[in-house]
Protein backbone atom coordinates (compact mmCIF):
# COMPACT_ATOMS: atom_id res chain seq x y z
CA MET A 1 110.38 162.42 178.40
CA PRO A 2 112.00 164.89 176.02
CA LEU A 3 114.87 167.01 177.32
CA SER A 4 117.14 169.57 175.84
CA SER A 5 120.41 168.34 174.41
CA ARG A 6 122.39 171.09 176.24
CA GLY A 7 124.52 170.08 179.23
CA GLY A 8 124.71 166.45 180.18
CA CYS A 9 123.62 165.31 183.64
CA TRP A 10 120.58 163.38 182.39
CA ARG A 11 122.78 161.36 180.02
CA VAL A 12 124.64 160.00 183.03
CA ALA A 13 121.37 159.39 184.90
CA GLN A 14 119.87 157.35 182.17
CA ASN A 15 122.72 154.85 182.57
CA ARG A 16 122.88 154.81 186.41
CA ARG A 17 124.11 151.46 187.76
CA ALA A 18 122.95 150.00 191.08
CA ASP A 19 126.48 148.84 191.97
CA VAL A 20 127.99 152.36 191.75
CA ASP A 21 128.16 154.70 194.77
CA TRP A 22 126.55 157.84 193.42
CA SER A 23 127.06 159.82 196.65
CA TRP A 24 129.27 162.89 196.32
CA MET A 25 130.15 166.10 198.07
CA SER A 26 131.23 169.39 196.53
CA LEU A 27 132.17 171.14 199.74
CA ASP A 28 132.31 169.47 203.18
CA PRO A 29 128.97 170.45 204.80
CA THR A 30 130.39 169.77 208.30
CA LEU A 31 132.48 172.89 207.96
CA TYR A 32 129.38 175.10 207.84
CA PRO A 33 127.31 175.30 211.04
CA PHE A 34 124.20 176.56 209.20
CA VAL A 35 123.87 173.17 207.48
CA GLU A 36 122.84 171.32 210.62
CA GLN A 37 120.30 174.05 211.40
CA LEU A 38 118.69 173.62 207.97
CA ARG A 39 118.61 169.86 208.31
CA ARG A 40 117.01 169.93 211.74
CA ASN A 41 114.16 172.03 210.33
CA VAL A 42 113.54 170.22 207.05
CA ALA A 43 110.06 169.16 208.05
CA THR A 44 109.06 172.80 208.64
CA PHE A 45 110.50 173.97 205.29
CA ALA A 46 108.93 170.97 203.46
CA GLY A 47 105.52 171.52 205.05
CA GLU A 48 105.35 175.21 204.17
CA ALA A 49 106.63 174.58 200.63
CA ALA A 50 104.09 171.79 200.05
CA ALA A 51 101.28 174.11 201.14
CA LEU A 52 102.11 176.46 198.30
CA GLU A 53 100.16 175.91 195.11
CA ASP A 54 102.04 176.11 191.86
CA ASP A 55 100.55 179.44 190.87
CA ALA A 56 101.94 181.00 194.09
CA PHE A 57 105.37 180.51 192.51
CA LEU A 58 106.81 182.73 189.77
CA VAL A 59 108.14 181.28 186.57
CA TRP A 60 111.86 181.99 186.64
CA HIS A 61 112.39 185.02 184.48
CA ASN A 62 115.55 183.98 182.56
CA THR A 63 113.80 181.41 180.34
CA GLU A 64 116.90 181.09 178.09
CA ALA A 65 118.69 179.43 181.03
CA TYR A 66 116.51 176.36 181.09
CA HIS A 67 114.22 174.02 179.19
CA GLY A 68 110.80 173.14 180.65
CA LYS A 69 109.20 174.83 183.63
CA TRP A 70 111.20 176.15 186.60
CA LEU A 71 109.16 177.72 189.42
CA ALA A 72 110.58 179.84 192.25
CA TYR A 73 109.11 181.17 195.49
CA PRO A 74 111.50 183.83 196.82
CA LEU A 75 111.82 184.23 200.61
CA LEU A 76 114.92 186.39 200.90
CA LEU A 77 116.36 188.44 198.08
CA THR A 78 119.39 190.80 198.06
CA LYS A 79 121.07 190.17 194.71
CA TYR A 80 118.27 189.67 192.21
CA GLY A 81 115.97 192.51 193.06
CA PRO A 82 112.28 192.13 193.91
CA LEU A 83 111.50 190.03 190.79
CA GLY A 84 108.06 191.63 190.63
CA VAL A 85 106.77 189.92 193.78
CA ASP A 86 105.43 191.22 197.07
CA LEU A 87 108.26 189.77 199.16
CA ALA A 88 106.60 190.69 202.52
CA ALA A 89 103.46 188.77 201.52
CA GLN A 90 105.56 185.82 200.39
CA GLN A 91 107.28 185.79 203.79
CA ARG A 92 104.01 185.95 205.72
CA ARG A 93 102.84 182.75 204.10
CA CYS A 94 106.00 180.97 205.33
CA ARG A 95 106.41 182.45 208.76
CA GLU A 96 108.24 179.49 210.39
CA SER A 97 110.61 179.12 207.46
CA MET A 98 111.40 182.83 207.71
CA ARG A 99 111.99 182.60 211.47
CA ILE A 100 114.56 179.87 210.91
CA LEU A 101 116.28 181.60 207.97
CA ARG A 102 116.56 184.90 209.89
CA SER A 103 118.25 183.05 212.75
CA ILE A 104 121.08 181.91 210.49
CA PRO A 105 123.93 184.44 210.11
CA GLY A 106 124.94 185.32 206.56
CA VAL A 107 121.87 184.12 204.56
CA VAL A 108 121.51 186.57 201.68
CA GLU A 109 119.21 184.62 199.35
CA ALA A 110 116.57 181.96 200.07
CA VAL A 111 114.18 180.51 197.53
CA PHE A 112 111.86 177.52 197.28
CA SER A 113 112.75 176.03 193.89
CA ARG A 114 110.28 173.68 192.14
CA LEU A 115 111.56 171.92 189.04
CA MET A 116 108.71 170.40 187.06
CA PRO A 117 109.03 167.05 185.29
CA GLY A 118 111.33 167.15 182.24
CA THR A 119 112.95 170.42 183.23
CA HIS A 120 116.61 171.02 182.63
CA ILE A 121 118.56 174.01 184.00
CA TYR A 122 121.45 174.26 181.56
CA ARG A 123 125.09 174.13 182.68
CA HIS A 124 126.13 177.55 183.89
CA VAL A 125 128.18 179.56 186.41
CA ASP A 126 126.76 182.27 188.58
CA ALA A 127 128.29 185.70 189.45
CA PHE A 128 129.13 184.67 192.99
CA ARG A 129 131.14 186.35 195.75
CA PRO A 130 134.13 184.25 196.85
CA ASP A 131 132.97 184.44 200.49
CA GLU A 132 129.58 182.87 199.61
CA VAL A 133 128.51 179.25 199.34
CA ARG A 134 125.26 177.81 197.95
CA CYS A 135 123.24 175.13 199.71
CA HIS A 136 120.51 172.88 198.30
CA LEU A 137 118.25 171.29 200.93
CA GLY A 138 116.05 168.51 199.59
CA LEU A 139 112.32 168.88 200.53
CA ASP A 140 110.38 166.74 198.00
CA VAL A 141 112.78 164.98 195.74
CA PRO A 142 112.08 162.19 193.29
CA GLU A 143 114.86 159.67 192.59
CA GLN A 144 115.72 160.95 189.15
CA ALA A 145 116.14 164.65 190.04
CA LEU A 146 119.84 165.41 189.71
CA LEU A 147 122.35 168.13 190.51
CA ARG A 148 125.78 168.23 188.82
CA THR A 149 128.63 170.44 189.97
CA GLU A 150 131.62 170.14 187.69
CA ASN A 151 132.30 166.33 187.57
CA ASP A 152 130.17 165.46 190.62
CA ILE A 153 126.61 164.32 190.10
CA GLY A 154 123.95 163.02 192.49
CA VAL A 155 120.49 163.27 193.94
CA VAL A 156 119.98 165.74 196.81
CA GLY A 157 117.58 163.62 198.83
CA VAL A 158 114.97 164.73 201.34
CA GLY A 159 116.75 166.23 204.33
CA GLU A 160 120.14 166.22 202.64
CA CYS A 161 122.24 169.35 202.10
CA ARG A 162 124.69 169.88 199.27
CA VAL A 163 127.03 172.83 199.69
CA PHE A 164 128.93 174.05 196.62
CA ASP A 165 130.49 177.03 194.89
CA ALA A 166 127.98 178.42 192.40
CA ALA A 167 130.71 180.24 190.51
CA ARG A 168 131.70 176.78 189.20
CA ASP A 169 130.07 174.88 186.40
CA HIS A 170 126.78 173.25 187.47
CA GLU A 171 123.36 172.23 186.22
CA SER A 172 120.16 170.45 187.32
CA ALA A 173 117.65 168.18 185.66
CA ASN A 174 114.41 166.52 186.77
CA LEU A 175 114.05 163.28 184.84
CA SER A 176 111.09 161.98 186.85
CA GLU A 177 107.38 162.23 186.43
CA HIS A 178 107.00 164.30 189.63
CA PRO A 179 108.01 167.85 190.64
CA ARG A 180 111.24 168.34 192.58
CA THR A 181 111.17 170.93 195.39
CA ILE A 182 114.22 172.14 197.30
CA LEU A 183 115.26 175.12 199.38
CA ILE A 184 118.15 177.07 197.86
CA CYS A 185 120.18 179.28 200.23
CA ASP A 186 123.18 181.50 199.44
CA VAL A 187 125.21 182.14 202.61
CA ARG A 188 128.11 184.43 203.27
CA VAL A 189 130.61 182.42 205.27
CA GLY A 190 133.09 185.30 205.87
CA ASP A 191 136.16 184.13 207.74
CA ASP A 192 135.39 180.48 206.83
CA HIS A 193 136.96 181.12 203.42
CA GLU A 194 140.20 179.47 204.44
CA ARG A 195 138.28 176.19 204.95
CA ARG A 196 137.62 175.81 201.22
CA PRO A 197 140.42 173.65 199.88
CA ASP A 198 139.18 173.99 196.30
CA VAL A 199 140.19 177.67 196.20
CA PRO A 200 143.99 178.07 195.78
CA ALA A 201 145.77 180.63 198.01
CA PHE A 202 148.82 182.74 197.16
CA GLY A 203 151.07 184.92 199.31
CA GLN A 204 151.88 184.57 202.99
CA PRO A 205 148.90 184.67 205.45
CA GLY A 206 151.03 186.38 208.14
CA VAL A 207 150.44 186.12 211.89
CA GLY A 208 146.92 186.25 213.25
CA PRO A 209 143.57 186.25 211.35
CA ALA A 210 143.45 187.77 207.89
CA ARG A 211 140.68 190.23 207.06
CA PRO A 212 138.62 188.87 204.15
CA ARG A 213 137.98 191.28 201.24
CA PRO A 214 135.90 189.97 198.32
CA GLY A 215 136.85 191.38 194.93
CA ALA A 216 136.28 190.89 191.20
CA TYR A 217 138.93 191.05 188.47
CA GLY A 218 138.43 191.03 184.73
CA CYS A 219 140.30 189.23 181.94
CA ALA A 220 139.45 191.11 178.74
CA VAL A 221 141.17 189.56 175.74
CA ARG A 222 141.65 191.32 172.35
CA GLY A 223 143.32 188.86 169.99
CA ASP A 224 146.53 187.96 171.72
CA GLU A 225 146.41 190.92 174.13
CA LEU A 226 145.02 191.34 177.62
CA LEU A 227 143.78 194.53 179.26
CA VAL A 228 145.82 195.43 182.31
CA VAL A 229 146.14 198.47 184.58
CA VAL A 230 149.61 199.88 185.25
CA ALA A 231 149.78 201.74 188.51
CA PRO A 232 152.63 203.10 190.66
CA ASP A 233 152.82 199.83 192.63
CA GLY A 234 152.74 197.41 189.72
CA MET A 235 150.68 195.83 186.91
CA PHE A 236 147.23 194.49 187.73
CA LEU A 237 144.11 193.06 186.24
CA PRO A 238 141.33 195.70 186.23
CA GLY A 239 139.12 195.24 189.24
CA GLY A 240 139.11 195.57 193.00
CA GLY A 241 137.13 195.11 196.21
CA LEU A 242 133.36 194.73 196.18
CA GLU A 243 131.11 197.20 197.92
CA ASP A 244 128.54 195.94 200.44
CA ASP A 245 125.74 194.82 198.15
CA GLU A 246 127.66 194.18 194.93
CA ASP A 247 128.07 190.87 193.21
CA ALA A 248 131.15 190.15 191.07
CA ILE A 249 129.74 191.55 187.83
CA ALA A 250 128.49 194.79 189.35
CA GLY A 251 131.75 195.31 191.15
CA LEU A 252 133.79 194.63 188.02
CA ARG A 253 131.63 197.03 185.98
CA ARG A 254 132.26 199.83 188.49
CA GLU A 255 135.99 199.12 188.82
CA LEU A 256 136.52 198.97 185.06
CA ALA A 257 134.97 202.37 184.63
CA GLU A 258 136.99 203.90 187.53
CA GLU A 259 140.33 202.40 186.46
CA THR A 260 140.20 202.25 182.70
CA GLY A 261 137.16 204.10 181.38
CA PHE A 262 136.05 200.94 179.55
CA VAL A 263 132.47 199.79 179.67
CA LEU A 264 131.68 196.17 180.62
CA GLU A 265 129.42 194.46 178.08
CA SER A 266 129.42 190.86 179.26
CA ALA A 267 131.25 188.79 181.90
CA ARG A 268 131.52 185.21 183.02
CA PRO A 269 133.20 183.95 186.22
CA PHE A 270 135.79 181.29 185.56
CA ALA A 271 138.09 181.06 188.61
CA GLN A 272 138.53 181.93 192.23
CA ALA A 273 141.62 182.33 194.37
CA THR A 274 142.77 183.92 197.61
CA GLN A 275 145.61 186.47 197.54
CA PHE A 276 147.12 187.37 200.91
CA VAL A 277 148.61 190.87 201.06
CA GLU A 278 150.16 192.83 203.90
CA THR A 279 148.76 196.28 204.61
CA VAL A 280 149.27 198.87 207.33
CA GLY A 281 146.23 197.52 209.07
CA GLY A 282 147.36 193.90 208.96
CA THR A 283 146.94 190.92 206.58
CA VAL A 284 144.16 191.03 204.02
CA ALA A 285 142.80 187.95 202.36
CA LYS A 286 141.67 189.15 198.91
CA LEU A 287 138.91 186.70 197.93
CA CYS A 288 139.29 187.09 194.18
CA SER A 289 136.63 186.23 191.57
CA PHE A 290 138.15 186.21 188.08
CA LEU A 291 135.86 186.81 185.12
CA THR A 292 136.38 186.73 181.34
CA CYS A 293 134.76 189.81 179.89
CA ASP A 294 133.99 191.78 176.77
CA VAL A 295 134.58 195.51 177.04
CA ARG A 296 134.22 198.62 174.86
CA GLU A 297 135.77 202.04 175.13
CA GLY A 298 133.88 204.54 177.09
CA LEU A 299 134.34 208.01 178.58
CA THR A 300 137.68 208.89 180.13
CA ASP A 301 136.24 211.40 182.57
CA GLY A 302 136.58 210.20 186.13
CA VAL A 303 139.33 207.65 185.44
CA GLU A 304 141.86 207.50 188.24
CA ASP A 305 144.88 209.65 187.35
CA ASP A 306 147.52 207.15 188.45
CA HIS A 307 145.99 204.18 186.60
CA ASP A 308 147.08 203.60 182.95
CA ALA A 309 145.03 201.07 180.98
CA GLN A 310 147.17 199.12 178.49
CA TRP A 311 146.76 196.19 176.15
CA VAL A 312 149.75 193.85 176.59
CA PRO A 313 150.48 190.33 175.20
CA VAL A 314 148.70 187.72 177.28
CA GLU A 315 151.96 185.86 177.91
CA THR A 316 153.49 189.11 179.24
CA ALA A 317 150.61 189.44 181.69
CA ALA A 318 150.87 185.83 182.71
CA ALA A 319 154.52 186.36 183.68
CA GLY A 320 154.44 190.06 184.78
CA LEU A 321 151.31 190.74 186.80
CA THR A 322 152.21 191.82 190.26
CA GLU A 323 149.88 189.45 192.19
CA ALA A 324 150.45 185.68 192.00
CA ALA A 325 146.73 184.90 192.07
CA SER A 326 146.20 187.00 188.93
CA ARG A 327 149.18 185.35 187.18
CA TRP A 328 147.65 181.97 188.03
CA ALA A 329 144.23 183.06 186.66
CA VAL A 330 145.72 184.31 183.36
CA ARG A 331 147.67 181.06 183.01
CA ARG A 332 144.50 179.12 183.60
CA LEU A 333 142.77 181.17 180.94
CA LEU A 334 145.61 180.40 178.49
CA ASP A 335 145.52 176.69 179.23
CA SER A 336 141.74 176.27 178.68
CA PRO A 337 139.55 177.67 175.88
CA GLU A 338 136.40 177.16 178.00
CA PRO A 339 136.46 180.34 180.11
CA ARG A 340 136.62 182.76 177.16
CA ALA A 341 133.83 185.33 177.20
CA PRO A 342 130.95 184.58 174.87
């Protein structure tokens, strides 16, 4: 069947060998208690999803993000808005699924996702909070329906859960002749952040539990210069902590305006790290999402008086930013052309 030439997981699939172990794991699912709860109830989710006719689903609105036909049936939404559906009516049709989802702490998004034959969701990264993980639960999955996260690729079989960081490069493709249906859940894991070995940590954790604080920080490059904020306590990337219902892009847009007066035009997450800092109230674990971004000058009214926005050489920022996590992120940006904002 024809597929778009963007991305690449189907190219691997077309050459799958029987003697190769194609099992993989992005994050260890045993670290997340909600995974077992989802697995135990796979028959319930699969039954209610199978009872939904195709026209009960919406066609995913961002059609530039995929080739083919991608259908979604939202159950819980906090980040994407209502998407033009009657969410209460959607939930009434899937009462048992909703009962299970509402019993799991931290679930912020839940969607039945149906990928029709020949559909390819292009490689992408999502604006994702560092204290969130994404889970795919297989409900009705043909053999040639694949998920790739960075260099890992595999089939999420029926009853299997794959947990991964959606802020990292990933894509999906259905190479079969049959639809693929899964449940997608985004879950805030809060204090479990320290269990994610793929996220580097900087600073000293201190004694006792650290209070997690998700935040977003922007790397805006102009030629060989980087936008930074000089404050009384040091030099920082523009950005800061997220408010309750903000994702990384929304938080960065607000922080840029408050600290620099610049307007965010586009942004793309490229790295995550934890920065431990000591405060009067104890140790804080700053769960940092770093985003490349394009900005333009805006109004200066309302900019914080003790914050001075400056363009400095990128190498100067890589060596001189106050926080080690930010220095690491800028160095990673220098070492790889891939994260640069489109």
